[in-house]
Amino acid sequence: MLFSLRELVQWLGFATFEIFVHLLALSVFSVLLALRVDGLAPGPSWWNVFVPFFAADGLSTYFTTIVSVRLFQDGEKRPAVQPPKQARTKMHVNAFRIEKHRLCSRTWSS
């Protein structure tokens, strides 16, 4: 069973743009991982393989911050960018960023 885009947005709490950025990062990461594991591109380190995920986290945080600042300046109140949603998005992004950093550090040392 596949979810619709509306269900994914409600379930994940991310905007459509953020979901697209993370899917693009996953695609680029998959290619880099396959190249690294198969030895076809021995140059990139594990840190370089995980760069798409770090970039997607940064873009997601930037997107959420810009939207909330603009709505605050306009004085609008929307449920999608209320402080609980912002805090939840930032907690998700930071938790994933920390886990990716730990995974990168672990693979780098081995």
C-alpha atoms as a PDB file:
ATOM      1  CA  MET A   1       0.000   0.000   0.000  1.00  0.00           C
ATOM      2  CA  LEU A   2       1.449   3.341  -1.024  1.00  0.00           C
ATOM      3  CA  PHE A   3       0.718   6.538   0.806  1.00  0.00           C
ATOM      4  CA  SER A   4      -0.548   9.605  -0.985  1.00  0.00           C
ATOM      5  CA  LEU A   5       1.463  12.803  -0.796  1.00  0.00           C
ATOM      6  CA  ARG A   6      -1.107  14.353   1.526  1.00  0.00           C
ATOM      7  CA  GLU A   7      -0.832  11.401   3.925  1.00  0.00           C
ATOM      8  CA  LEU A   8       2.968  11.570   3.862  1.00  0.00           C
ATOM      9  CA  VAL A   9       2.926  15.279   4.651  1.00  0.00           C
ATOM     10  CA  GLN A  10       0.577  14.703   7.587  1.00  0.00           C
ATOM     11  CA  TRP A  11       2.404  11.626   8.859  1.00  0.00           C
ATOM     12  CA  LEU A  12       5.973  12.941   8.589  1.00  0.00           C
ATOM     13  CA  GLY A  13       5.225  16.551   9.413  1.00  0.00           C
ATOM     14  CA  PHE A  14       7.420  17.754   6.534  1.00  0.00           C
ATOM     15  CA  ALA A  15       6.424  19.997   3.656  1.00  0.00           C
ATOM     16  CA  THR A  16       6.339  18.618   0.122  1.00  0.00           C
ATOM     17  CA  PHE A  17       9.575  20.447  -0.709  1.00  0.00           C
ATOM     18  CA  GLU A  18      11.333  18.905   2.276  1.00  0.00           C
ATOM     19  CA  ILE A  19      10.202  15.408   1.282  1.00  0.00           C
ATOM     20  CA  PHE A  20      11.499  16.013  -2.244  1.00  0.00           C
ATOM     21  CA  VAL A  21      14.875  17.225  -0.922  1.00  0.00           C
ATOM     22  CA  HIS A  22      15.246  14.159   1.303  1.00  0.00           C
ATOM     23  CA  LEU A  23      14.307  11.777  -1.525  1.00  0.00           C
ATOM     24  CA  LEU A  24      16.851  13.460  -3.789  1.00  0.00           C
ATOM     25  CA  ALA A  25      19.493  13.148  -1.073  1.00  0.00           C
ATOM     26  CA  LEU A  26      18.632   9.466  -0.639  1.00  0.00           C
ATOM     27  CA  SER A  27      19.051   8.902  -4.389  1.00  0.00           C
ATOM     28  CA  VAL A  28      22.449  10.619  -4.533  1.00  0.00           C
ATOM     29  CA  PHE A  29      23.546   8.825  -1.359  1.00  0.00           C
ATOM     30  CA  SER A  30      22.571   5.455  -2.851  1.00  0.00           C
ATOM     31  CA  VAL A  31      24.711   6.068  -5.925  1.00  0.00           C
ATOM     32  CA  LEU A  32      27.687   7.255  -3.864  1.00  0.00           C
ATOM     33  CA  LEU A  33      27.324   4.318  -1.486  1.00  0.00           C
ATOM     34  CA  ALA A  34      27.242   1.811  -4.326  1.00  0.00           C
ATOM     35  CA  LEU A  35      30.328   3.390  -5.893  1.00  0.00           C
ATOM     36  CA  ARG A  36      32.165   3.396  -2.567  1.00  0.00           C
ATOM     37  CA  VAL A  37      31.271  -0.179  -1.567  1.00  0.00           C
ATOM     38  CA  ASP A  38      32.017  -1.663  -5.005  1.00  0.00           C
ATOM     39  CA  GLY A  39      35.354   0.138  -5.129  1.00  0.00           C
ATOM     40  CA  LEU A  40      34.579   1.853  -8.426  1.00  0.00           C
ATOM     41  CA  ALA A  41      35.330   5.252  -6.900  1.00  0.00           C
ATOM     42  CA  PRO A  42      37.939   4.720  -4.159  1.00  0.00           C
ATOM     43  CA  GLY A  43      38.493   8.463  -3.721  1.00  0.00           C
ATOM     44  CA  PRO A  44      35.440   9.547  -1.712  1.00  0.00           C
ATOM     45  CA  SER A  45      35.592   9.032   2.028  1.00  0.00           C
ATOM     46  CA  TRP A  46      32.588   8.032   4.109  1.00  0.00           C
ATOM     47  CA  TRP A  47      32.091  11.683   4.992  1.00  0.00           C
ATOM     48  CA  ASN A  48      31.738  12.500   1.293  1.00  0.00           C
ATOM     49  CA  VAL A  49      29.253   9.664   0.845  1.00  0.00           C
ATOM     50  CA  PHE A  50      27.011  11.115   3.589  1.00  0.00           C
ATOM     51  CA  VAL A  51      27.231  14.732   2.333  1.00  0.00           C
ATOM     52  CA  PRO A  52      23.829  14.567   0.551  1.00  0.00           C
ATOM     53  CA  PHE A  53      22.102  13.752   3.850  1.00  0.00           C
ATOM     54  CA  PHE A  54      23.861  16.579   5.688  1.00  0.00           C
ATOM     55  CA  ALA A  55      22.956  18.989   2.874  1.00  0.00           C
ATOM     56  CA  ALA A  56      19.316  17.867   2.962  1.00  0.00           C
ATOM     57  CA  ASP A  57      19.200  18.410   6.736  1.00  0.00           C
ATOM     58  CA  GLY A  58      20.625  21.890   6.315  1.00  0.00           C
ATOM     59  CA  LEU A  59      18.156  22.769   3.555  1.00  0.00           C
ATOM     60  CA  SER A  60      15.253  21.435   5.604  1.00  0.00           C
ATOM     61  CA  THR A  61      16.260  23.509   8.620  1.00  0.00           C
ATOM     62  CA  TYR A  62      16.780  26.582   6.423  1.00  0.00           C
ATOM     63  CA  PHE A  63      13.394  26.104   4.746  1.00  0.00           C
ATOM     64  CA  THR A  64      11.541  25.769   8.058  1.00  0.00           C
ATOM     65  CA  THR A  65      13.315  28.801   9.518  1.00  0.00           C
ATOM     66  CA  ILE A  66      12.653  31.020   6.487  1.00  0.00           C
ATOM     67  CA  VAL A  67       8.973  30.081   6.341  1.00  0.00           C
ATOM     68  CA  SER A  68       8.480  30.716  10.056  1.00  0.00           C
ATOM     69  CA  VAL A  69      10.296  34.091   9.929  1.00  0.00           C
ATOM     70  CA  ARG A  70       8.245  35.253   6.942  1.00  0.00           C
ATOM     71  CA  LEU A  71       4.973  34.204   8.526  1.00  0.00           C
ATOM     72  CA  PHE A  72       5.967  35.862  11.807  1.00  0.00           C
ATOM     73  CA  GLN A  73       6.709  39.111   9.969  1.00  0.00           C
ATOM     74  CA  ASP A  74       3.339  38.965   8.210  1.00  0.00           C
ATOM     75  CA  GLY A  75       1.579  38.164  11.479  1.00  0.00           C
ATOM     76  CA  GLU A  76      -0.032  35.027  10.078  1.00  0.00           C
ATOM     77  CA  LYS A  77      -0.842  31.968  12.144  1.00  0.00           C
ATOM     78  CA  ARG A  78      -0.823  28.690  10.271  1.00  0.00           C
ATOM     79  CA  PRO A  79      -0.907  25.272  11.907  1.00  0.00           C
ATOM     80  CA  ALA A  80       1.868  23.995   9.626  1.00  0.00           C
ATOM     81  CA  VAL A  81       4.450  26.367  11.084  1.00  0.00           C
ATOM     82  CA  GLN A  82       3.352  26.762  14.690  1.00  0.00           C
ATOM     83  CA  PRO A  83       6.110  26.409  17.300  1.00  0.00           C
ATOM     84  CA  PRO A  84       5.301  22.748  18.109  1.00  0.00           C
ATOM     85  CA  LYS A  85       5.670  21.821  14.432  1.00  0.00           C
ATOM     86  CA  GLN A  86       8.893  23.808  14.155  1.00  0.00           C
ATOM     87  CA  ALA A  87      10.308  22.211  17.285  1.00  0.00           C
ATOM     88  CA  ARG A  88       9.343  18.729  16.118  1.00  0.00           C
ATOM     89  CA  THR A  89      10.925  19.283  12.690  1.00  0.00           C
ATOM     90  CA  LYS A  90      14.127  20.623  14.219  1.00  0.00           C
ATOM     91  CA  MET A  91      14.278  17.734  16.691  1.00  0.00           C
ATOM     92  CA  HIS A  92      13.863  15.210  13.854  1.00  0.00           C
ATOM     93  CA  VAL A  93      16.514  16.886  11.745  1.00  0.00           C
ATOM     94  CA  ASN A  94      18.955  17.162  14.647  1.00  0.00           C
ATOM     95  CA  ALA A  95      18.401  13.560  15.742  1.00  0.00           C
ATOM     96  CA  PHE A  96      19.016  12.316  12.218  1.00  0.00           C
ATOM     97  CA  ARG A  97      22.061  14.565  11.863  1.00  0.00           C
ATOM     98  CA  ILE A  98      23.577  13.220  15.092  1.00  0.00           C
ATOM     99  CA  GLU A  99      22.914   9.625  14.048  1.00  0.00           C
ATOM    100  CA  LYS A 100      24.462  10.193  10.623  1.00  0.00           C
ATOM    101  CA  HIS A 101      27.489  11.794  12.251  1.00  0.00           C
ATOM    102  CA  ARG A 102      27.880   8.825  14.616  1.00  0.00           C
ATOM    103  CA  LEU A 103      27.496   6.362  11.753  1.00  0.00           C
ATOM    104  CA  CYS A 104      30.058   8.271   9.696  1.00  0.00           C
ATOM    105  CA  SER A 105      32.496   8.353  12.597  1.00  0.00           C
ATOM    106  CA  ARG A 106      32.040   4.639  13.203  1.00  0.00           C
ATOM    107  CA  THR A 107      32.612   3.688   9.544  1.00  0.00           C
ATOM    108  CA  TRP A 108      35.542   6.107   9.289  1.00  0.00           C
ATOM    109  CA  SER A 109      37.374   4.476  12.200  1.00  0.00           C
ATOM    110  CA  SER A 110      36.878   0.930  10.860  1.00  0.00           C
END
